[in-house]
Amino acid sequence: MRRYSKLPSLDLPARIAQKTAPVARQPEARPRRVSHRLGAEAIEQLVTDYLAGATTRDLAARYELSKTTVTRLLRQRGAVRTRGLTTEQITLGLELYSLGYSVARAAEALDVHVNTLYGALTRAGVEMRGRYERPAP
């Protein structure tokens, strides 16, 4: 075996041709700016869908955006969906609770989380019963 046997071949013309071979061009990338990709109409539709009840996760999948981008677009457009219970739900929860329903049963009837109803009732000034107390008949 020779001393420099592991060196690449010194065929200079072949090495030069290899380095100067044409590089395959990548396909043109889509615009990075969301407003350029979607357009004003699509963004307004996104806001309308959100206000109609679609979740940010659903919108992100539908418009092929990240959830963070959807949230940012909604915040920029002032689209805020109220969270928590409506006054009708609070009133019905109060009626059920005063009839003797537990907070858990009343929340189940309203299809909301127990802590949501409990917080709404305490903010409304309702004095909560003890764990094993029942209202007087």
N, C-alpha and C. Protein backbone atom coordinates (compact mmCIF):
# COMPACT_ATOMS: atom_id res chain seq x y z
N MET A 1 0.84 -1.16 0.00
CA MET A 1 0.00 0.00 0.00
C MET A 1 0.89 1.24 0.00
N ARG A 2 0.42 2.21 -0.69
CA ARG A 2 1.23 3.41 -0.80
C ARG A 2 0.91 4.36 0.33
N ARG A 3 1.73 5.30 0.46
CA ARG A 3 1.65 6.24 1.57
C ARG A 3 0.38 7.10 1.56
N TYR A 4 -0.01 7.60 0.41
CA TYR A 4 -1.18 8.47 0.31
C TYR A 4 -2.33 7.79 -0.42
N SER A 5 -2.55 6.56 -0.13
CA SER A 5 -3.53 5.79 -0.88
C SER A 5 -4.97 6.22 -0.60
N LYS A 6 -5.26 6.87 0.52
CA LYS A 6 -6.63 7.24 0.85
C LYS A 6 -7.00 8.65 0.38
N LEU A 7 -6.11 9.32 -0.28
CA LEU A 7 -6.41 10.64 -0.81
C LEU A 7 -7.34 10.50 -2.00
N PRO A 8 -8.20 11.48 -2.21
CA PRO A 8 -9.05 11.42 -3.39
C PRO A 8 -8.20 11.52 -4.65
N SER A 9 -8.79 11.09 -5.72
CA SER A 9 -8.00 11.11 -6.95
C SER A 9 -7.67 12.54 -7.33
N LEU A 10 -6.61 12.70 -7.97
CA LEU A 10 -6.17 14.03 -8.35
C LEU A 10 -6.56 14.37 -9.78
N ASP A 11 -7.62 13.75 -10.24
CA ASP A 11 -8.11 14.02 -11.59
C ASP A 11 -8.74 15.40 -11.57
N LEU A 12 -7.95 16.42 -11.82
CA LEU A 12 -8.39 17.80 -11.72
C LEU A 12 -9.54 18.17 -12.63
N PRO A 13 -9.55 17.84 -13.89
CA PRO A 13 -10.69 18.22 -14.74
C PRO A 13 -12.02 17.65 -14.24
N ALA A 14 -12.02 16.44 -13.73
CA ALA A 14 -13.26 15.84 -13.22
C ALA A 14 -13.73 16.56 -11.97
N ARG A 15 -12.82 16.93 -11.09
CA ARG A 15 -13.18 17.64 -9.86
C ARG A 15 -13.72 19.02 -10.16
N ILE A 16 -13.14 19.72 -11.12
CA ILE A 16 -13.62 21.05 -11.50
C ILE A 16 -15.01 20.95 -12.10
N ALA A 17 -15.23 19.99 -12.95
CA ALA A 17 -16.54 19.80 -13.58
C ALA A 17 -17.60 19.48 -12.52
N GLN A 18 -17.21 18.73 -11.51
CA GLN A 18 -18.15 18.37 -10.45
C GLN A 18 -18.56 19.60 -9.65
N LYS A 19 -17.61 20.51 -9.39
CA LYS A 19 -17.92 21.70 -8.60
C LYS A 19 -18.74 22.71 -9.38
N THR A 20 -18.60 22.73 -10.67
CA THR A 20 -19.32 23.73 -11.47
C THR A 20 -20.59 23.18 -12.09
N ALA A 21 -21.03 22.02 -11.66
CA ALA A 21 -22.27 21.45 -12.19
C ALA A 21 -23.44 22.37 -11.82
N PRO A 22 -24.42 22.48 -12.70
CA PRO A 22 -25.56 23.36 -12.40
C PRO A 22 -26.31 22.87 -11.17
N VAL A 23 -26.68 23.81 -10.34
CA VAL A 23 -27.41 23.50 -9.10
C VAL A 23 -28.90 23.51 -9.41
N ALA A 24 -29.57 22.50 -8.94
CA ALA A 24 -31.02 22.43 -9.15
C ALA A 24 -31.69 23.53 -8.34
N ARG A 25 -32.56 24.28 -8.97
CA ARG A 25 -33.25 25.37 -8.28
C ARG A 25 -34.41 24.82 -7.48
N GLN A 26 -34.59 25.41 -6.32
CA GLN A 26 -35.71 25.02 -5.48
C GLN A 26 -36.97 25.71 -5.98
N PRO A 27 -38.11 25.08 -5.79
CA PRO A 27 -39.34 25.75 -6.21
C PRO A 27 -39.51 27.05 -5.43
N GLU A 28 -40.17 27.98 -6.05
CA GLU A 28 -40.34 29.28 -5.43
C GLU A 28 -41.18 29.14 -4.16
N ALA A 29 -40.69 29.71 -3.09
CA ALA A 29 -41.37 29.61 -1.80
C ALA A 29 -42.61 30.49 -1.80
N ARG A 30 -43.60 30.06 -1.01
CA ARG A 30 -44.80 30.88 -0.91
C ARG A 30 -44.50 32.09 -0.05
N PRO A 31 -45.27 33.15 -0.20
CA PRO A 31 -45.00 34.36 0.58
C PRO A 31 -45.08 34.07 2.07
N ARG A 32 -44.21 34.71 2.82
CA ARG A 32 -44.15 34.46 4.25
C ARG A 32 -45.20 35.24 5.02
N ARG A 33 -45.55 36.40 4.56
CA ARG A 33 -46.49 37.25 5.28
C ARG A 33 -47.89 36.66 5.18
N VAL A 34 -48.56 36.55 6.31
CA VAL A 34 -49.89 35.95 6.35
C VAL A 34 -50.87 36.76 5.51
N SER A 35 -50.77 38.08 5.57
CA SER A 35 -51.70 38.91 4.81
C SER A 35 -51.51 38.73 3.31
N HIS A 36 -50.30 38.35 2.86
CA HIS A 36 -50.07 38.08 1.44
C HIS A 36 -50.56 36.69 1.06
N ARG A 37 -50.47 35.75 1.98
CA ARG A 37 -50.91 34.39 1.69
C ARG A 37 -52.42 34.28 1.67
N LEU A 38 -53.08 34.91 2.64
CA LEU A 38 -54.52 34.74 2.78
C LEU A 38 -55.33 35.80 2.05
N GLY A 39 -54.95 37.02 2.19
CA GLY A 39 -55.75 38.10 1.62
C GLY A 39 -56.76 38.61 2.64
N ALA A 40 -57.27 39.80 2.41
CA ALA A 40 -58.16 40.45 3.37
C ALA A 40 -59.48 39.69 3.54
N GLU A 41 -60.01 39.15 2.43
CA GLU A 41 -61.29 38.45 2.51
C GLU A 41 -61.19 37.19 3.37
N ALA A 42 -60.10 36.44 3.19
CA ALA A 42 -59.91 35.21 3.96
C ALA A 42 -59.72 35.52 5.44
N ILE A 43 -59.02 36.59 5.74
CA ILE A 43 -58.81 36.96 7.14
C ILE A 43 -60.13 37.38 7.78
N GLU A 44 -60.94 38.13 7.05
CA GLU A 44 -62.25 38.52 7.57
C GLU A 44 -63.14 37.30 7.77
N GLN A 45 -63.04 36.31 6.87
CA GLN A 45 -63.81 35.08 7.03
C GLN A 45 -63.33 34.31 8.26
N LEU A 46 -62.03 34.32 8.49
CA LEU A 46 -61.47 33.68 9.68
C LEU A 46 -62.05 34.30 10.94
N VAL A 47 -62.10 35.63 10.98
CA VAL A 47 -62.67 36.34 12.14
C VAL A 47 -64.15 36.00 12.30
N THR A 48 -64.88 35.99 11.18
CA THR A 48 -66.31 35.66 11.23
C THR A 48 -66.53 34.24 11.75
N ASP A 49 -65.72 33.30 11.27
CA ASP A 49 -65.82 31.91 11.73
C ASP A 49 -65.54 31.81 13.23
N TYR A 50 -64.55 32.55 13.69
CA TYR A 50 -64.21 32.52 15.12
C TYR A 50 -65.36 33.05 15.96
N LEU A 51 -65.94 34.18 15.54
CA LEU A 51 -67.05 34.76 16.29
C LEU A 51 -68.29 33.88 16.23
N ALA A 52 -68.37 33.03 15.20
CA ALA A 52 -69.50 32.10 15.08
C ALA A 52 -69.32 30.88 15.96
N GLY A 53 -68.11 30.70 16.54
CA GLY A 53 -67.92 29.60 17.48
C GLY A 53 -66.80 28.64 17.15
N ALA A 54 -66.11 28.80 16.03
CA ALA A 54 -65.01 27.91 15.69
C ALA A 54 -63.84 28.14 16.65
N THR A 55 -63.13 27.07 16.97
CA THR A 55 -61.99 27.20 17.87
C THR A 55 -60.76 27.63 17.07
N THR A 56 -59.78 28.18 17.77
CA THR A 56 -58.55 28.61 17.10
C THR A 56 -57.81 27.42 16.51
N ARG A 57 -57.91 26.28 17.15
CA ARG A 57 -57.26 25.07 16.63
C ARG A 57 -57.90 24.65 15.30
N ASP A 58 -59.23 24.69 15.22
CA ASP A 58 -59.92 24.35 13.98
C ASP A 58 -59.56 25.33 12.87
N LEU A 59 -59.53 26.61 13.22
CA LEU A 59 -59.19 27.63 12.22
C LEU A 59 -57.76 27.48 11.73
N ALA A 60 -56.86 27.13 12.63
CA ALA A 60 -55.46 26.94 12.24
C ALA A 60 -55.35 25.79 11.24
N ALA A 61 -56.07 24.71 11.47
CA ALA A 61 -56.03 23.59 10.54
C ALA A 61 -56.69 23.95 9.21
N ARG A 62 -57.80 24.65 9.25
CA ARG A 62 -58.53 25.00 8.03
C ARG A 62 -57.74 25.95 7.13
N TYR A 63 -57.08 26.95 7.73
CA TYR A 63 -56.36 27.95 6.95
C TYR A 63 -54.87 27.66 6.83
N GLU A 64 -54.44 26.51 7.35
CA GLU A 64 -53.04 26.08 7.30
C GLU A 64 -52.11 27.11 7.93
N LEU A 65 -52.46 27.53 9.15
CA LEU A 65 -51.67 28.48 9.92
C LEU A 65 -51.37 27.85 11.27
N SER A 66 -50.48 28.47 12.01
CA SER A 66 -50.25 28.01 13.37
C SER A 66 -51.33 28.63 14.27
N LYS A 67 -51.54 28.00 15.40
CA LYS A 67 -52.53 28.51 16.35
C LYS A 67 -52.15 29.90 16.84
N THR A 68 -50.86 30.13 17.00
CA THR A 68 -50.38 31.43 17.45
C THR A 68 -50.70 32.51 16.42
N THR A 69 -50.53 32.19 15.15
CA THR A 69 -50.83 33.15 14.09
C THR A 69 -52.31 33.48 14.07
N VAL A 70 -53.15 32.47 14.23
CA VAL A 70 -54.60 32.70 14.25
C VAL A 70 -54.95 33.60 15.42
N THR A 71 -54.39 33.33 16.58
CA THR A 71 -54.67 34.15 17.77
C THR A 71 -54.21 35.58 17.55
N ARG A 72 -53.04 35.75 16.93
CA ARG A 72 -52.52 37.10 16.67
C ARG A 72 -53.43 37.85 15.70
N LEU A 73 -53.88 37.18 14.64
CA LEU A 73 -54.79 37.82 13.69
C LEU A 73 -56.09 38.25 14.36
N LEU A 74 -56.61 37.38 15.21
CA LEU A 74 -57.87 37.70 15.90
C LEU A 74 -57.68 38.88 16.85
N ARG A 75 -56.56 38.88 17.56
CA ARG A 75 -56.29 39.97 18.49
C ARG A 75 -56.12 41.29 17.74
N GLN A 76 -55.42 41.26 16.60
CA GLN A 76 -55.22 42.47 15.80
C GLN A 76 -56.53 43.04 15.30
N ARG A 77 -57.48 42.17 15.01
CA ARG A 77 -58.77 42.61 14.47
C ARG A 77 -59.79 42.88 15.57
N GLY A 78 -59.39 42.70 16.83
CA GLY A 78 -60.29 42.99 17.95
C GLY A 78 -61.40 41.97 18.12
N ALA A 79 -61.21 40.78 17.60
CA ALA A 79 -62.23 39.73 17.70
C ALA A 79 -62.08 39.04 19.05
N VAL A 80 -62.97 39.37 19.96
CA VAL A 80 -62.92 38.79 21.30
C VAL A 80 -64.24 38.08 21.54
N ARG A 81 -64.13 36.83 21.89
CA ARG A 81 -65.31 36.06 22.22
C ARG A 81 -65.42 36.03 23.73
N THR A 82 -66.59 36.34 24.25
CA THR A 82 -66.74 36.34 25.69
C THR A 82 -66.62 34.93 26.22
N ARG A 83 -65.96 34.82 27.33
CA ARG A 83 -65.79 33.52 27.96
C ARG A 83 -66.63 33.50 29.22
N GLY A 84 -66.95 32.34 29.65
CA GLY A 84 -67.74 32.21 30.86
C GLY A 84 -69.20 32.00 30.53
N LEU A 85 -70.03 32.26 31.51
CA LEU A 85 -71.46 31.99 31.37
C LEU A 85 -72.22 33.24 30.97
N THR A 86 -73.32 33.02 30.27
CA THR A 86 -74.21 34.13 29.94
C THR A 86 -75.08 34.41 31.16
N THR A 87 -75.76 35.55 31.16
CA THR A 87 -76.63 35.88 32.30
C THR A 87 -77.77 34.87 32.43
N GLU A 88 -78.25 34.34 31.30
CA GLU A 88 -79.32 33.32 31.37
C GLU A 88 -78.81 32.05 32.04
N GLN A 89 -77.57 31.65 31.72
CA GLN A 89 -77.02 30.45 32.34
C GLN A 89 -76.81 30.66 33.83
N ILE A 90 -76.36 31.84 34.22
CA ILE A 90 -76.17 32.12 35.64
C ILE A 90 -77.51 32.10 36.37
N THR A 91 -78.52 32.71 35.77
CA THR A 91 -79.85 32.74 36.38
C THR A 91 -80.40 31.32 36.54
N LEU A 92 -80.29 30.51 35.50
CA LEU A 92 -80.77 29.13 35.58
C LEU A 92 -79.97 28.33 36.60
N GLY A 93 -78.65 28.55 36.64
CA GLY A 93 -77.83 27.86 37.64
C GLY A 93 -78.22 28.26 39.05
N LEU A 94 -78.52 29.53 39.25
CA LEU A 94 -78.97 30.01 40.57
C LEU A 94 -80.30 29.38 40.95
N GLU A 95 -81.23 29.27 40.00
CA GLU A 95 -82.52 28.65 40.28
C GLU A 95 -82.35 27.18 40.64
N LEU A 96 -81.52 26.46 39.87
CA LEU A 96 -81.29 25.05 40.17
C LEU A 96 -80.64 24.87 41.52
N TYR A 97 -79.68 25.72 41.85
CA TYR A 97 -78.99 25.63 43.13
C TYR A 97 -79.94 25.92 44.28
N SER A 98 -80.81 26.91 44.11
CA SER A 98 -81.76 27.23 45.18
C SER A 98 -82.84 26.16 45.33
N LEU A 99 -83.08 25.37 44.28
CA LEU A 99 -84.03 24.26 44.36
C LEU A 99 -83.45 23.05 45.07
N GLY A 100 -82.14 23.07 45.33
CA GLY A 100 -81.52 21.97 46.05
C GLY A 100 -80.52 21.17 45.24
N TYR A 101 -80.37 21.52 43.99
CA TYR A 101 -79.36 20.85 43.18
C TYR A 101 -77.98 21.17 43.74
N SER A 102 -77.09 20.21 43.64
CA SER A 102 -75.70 20.51 43.97
C SER A 102 -75.12 21.33 42.81
N VAL A 103 -73.99 21.97 43.07
CA VAL A 103 -73.35 22.73 42.01
C VAL A 103 -72.95 21.80 40.86
N ALA A 104 -72.53 20.59 41.20
CA ALA A 104 -72.11 19.63 40.18
C ALA A 104 -73.30 19.23 39.30
N ARG A 105 -74.45 18.96 39.91
CA ARG A 105 -75.63 18.57 39.13
C ARG A 105 -76.14 19.74 38.30
N ALA A 106 -76.13 20.94 38.86
CA ALA A 106 -76.57 22.12 38.11
C ALA A 106 -75.63 22.39 36.94
N ALA A 107 -74.34 22.24 37.16
CA ALA A 107 -73.36 22.45 36.09
C ALA A 107 -73.55 21.41 34.99
N GLU A 108 -73.84 20.18 35.38
CA GLU A 108 -74.08 19.13 34.39
C GLU A 108 -75.32 19.45 33.57
N ALA A 109 -76.36 19.97 34.22
CA ALA A 109 -77.59 20.33 33.50
C ALA A 109 -77.34 21.48 32.52
N LEU A 110 -76.42 22.38 32.88
CA LEU A 110 -76.10 23.52 32.01
C LEU A 110 -75.00 23.19 30.99
N ASP A 111 -74.41 22.01 31.12
CA ASP A 111 -73.32 21.57 30.25
C ASP A 111 -72.12 22.51 30.35
N VAL A 112 -71.74 22.85 31.59
CA VAL A 112 -70.56 23.66 31.85
C VAL A 112 -69.74 22.96 32.92
N HIS A 113 -68.52 23.41 33.11
CA HIS A 113 -67.66 22.82 34.14
C HIS A 113 -68.13 23.28 35.52
N VAL A 114 -67.95 22.43 36.50
CA VAL A 114 -68.38 22.72 37.87
C VAL A 114 -67.75 24.02 38.39
N ASN A 115 -66.44 24.17 38.18
CA ASN A 115 -65.75 25.35 38.70
C ASN A 115 -66.24 26.63 38.03
N THR A 116 -66.66 26.54 36.78
CA THR A 116 -67.19 27.72 36.09
C THR A 116 -68.47 28.18 36.75
N LEU A 117 -69.37 27.25 37.01
CA LEU A 117 -70.64 27.61 37.66
C LEU A 117 -70.41 28.06 39.09
N TYR A 118 -69.54 27.37 39.81
CA TYR A 118 -69.26 27.75 41.19
C TYR A 118 -68.73 29.18 41.27
N GLY A 119 -67.78 29.51 40.41
CA GLY A 119 -67.23 30.86 40.39
C GLY A 119 -68.27 31.90 40.03
N ALA A 120 -69.14 31.58 39.07
CA ALA A 120 -70.18 32.53 38.66
C ALA A 120 -71.17 32.77 39.79
N LEU A 121 -71.52 31.71 40.52
CA LEU A 121 -72.47 31.86 41.62
C LEU A 121 -71.86 32.65 42.77
N THR A 122 -70.62 32.41 43.08
CA THR A 122 -70.00 33.16 44.19
C THR A 122 -69.81 34.63 43.80
N ARG A 123 -69.48 34.90 42.53
CA ARG A 123 -69.36 36.30 42.09
C ARG A 123 -70.72 37.00 42.12
N ALA A 124 -71.79 36.22 41.95
CA ALA A 124 -73.13 36.79 41.98
C ALA A 124 -73.60 37.02 43.42
N GLY A 125 -72.80 36.62 44.40
CA GLY A 125 -73.13 36.86 45.80
C GLY A 125 -73.93 35.76 46.46
N VAL A 126 -74.00 34.59 45.85
CA VAL A 126 -74.75 33.47 46.42
C VAL A 126 -73.94 32.88 47.57
N GLU A 127 -74.61 32.70 48.70
CA GLU A 127 -73.95 32.05 49.83
C GLU A 127 -74.02 30.55 49.61
N MET A 128 -72.87 29.95 49.51
CA MET A 128 -72.80 28.54 49.17
C MET A 128 -73.06 27.68 50.40
N ARG A 129 -73.77 26.57 50.17
CA ARG A 129 -74.06 25.63 51.26
C ARG A 129 -72.80 24.84 51.59
N GLY A 130 -72.80 24.26 52.78
CA GLY A 130 -71.71 23.37 53.16
C GLY A 130 -71.80 22.08 52.35
N ARG A 131 -70.83 21.26 52.51
CA ARG A 131 -70.74 20.06 51.70
C ARG A 131 -71.95 19.15 51.87
N TYR A 132 -72.45 18.96 53.09
CA TYR A 132 -73.54 18.01 53.31
C TYR A 132 -74.84 18.72 53.67
N GLU A 133 -74.90 20.00 53.49
CA GLU A 133 -76.13 20.73 53.80
C GLU A 133 -77.09 20.64 52.62
N ARG A 134 -78.37 20.57 52.94
CA ARG A 134 -79.42 20.61 51.93
C ARG A 134 -80.35 21.75 52.31
N PRO A 135 -80.96 22.38 51.33
CA PRO A 135 -81.88 23.48 51.65
C PRO A 135 -83.10 22.96 52.42
N ALA A 136 -83.64 23.83 53.26
CA ALA A 136 -84.83 23.44 54.02
C ALA A 136 -86.01 23.35 53.06
N PRO A 137 -86.85 22.29 53.23
CA PRO A 137 -87.98 22.11 52.31
C PRO A 137 -89.08 23.13 52.54
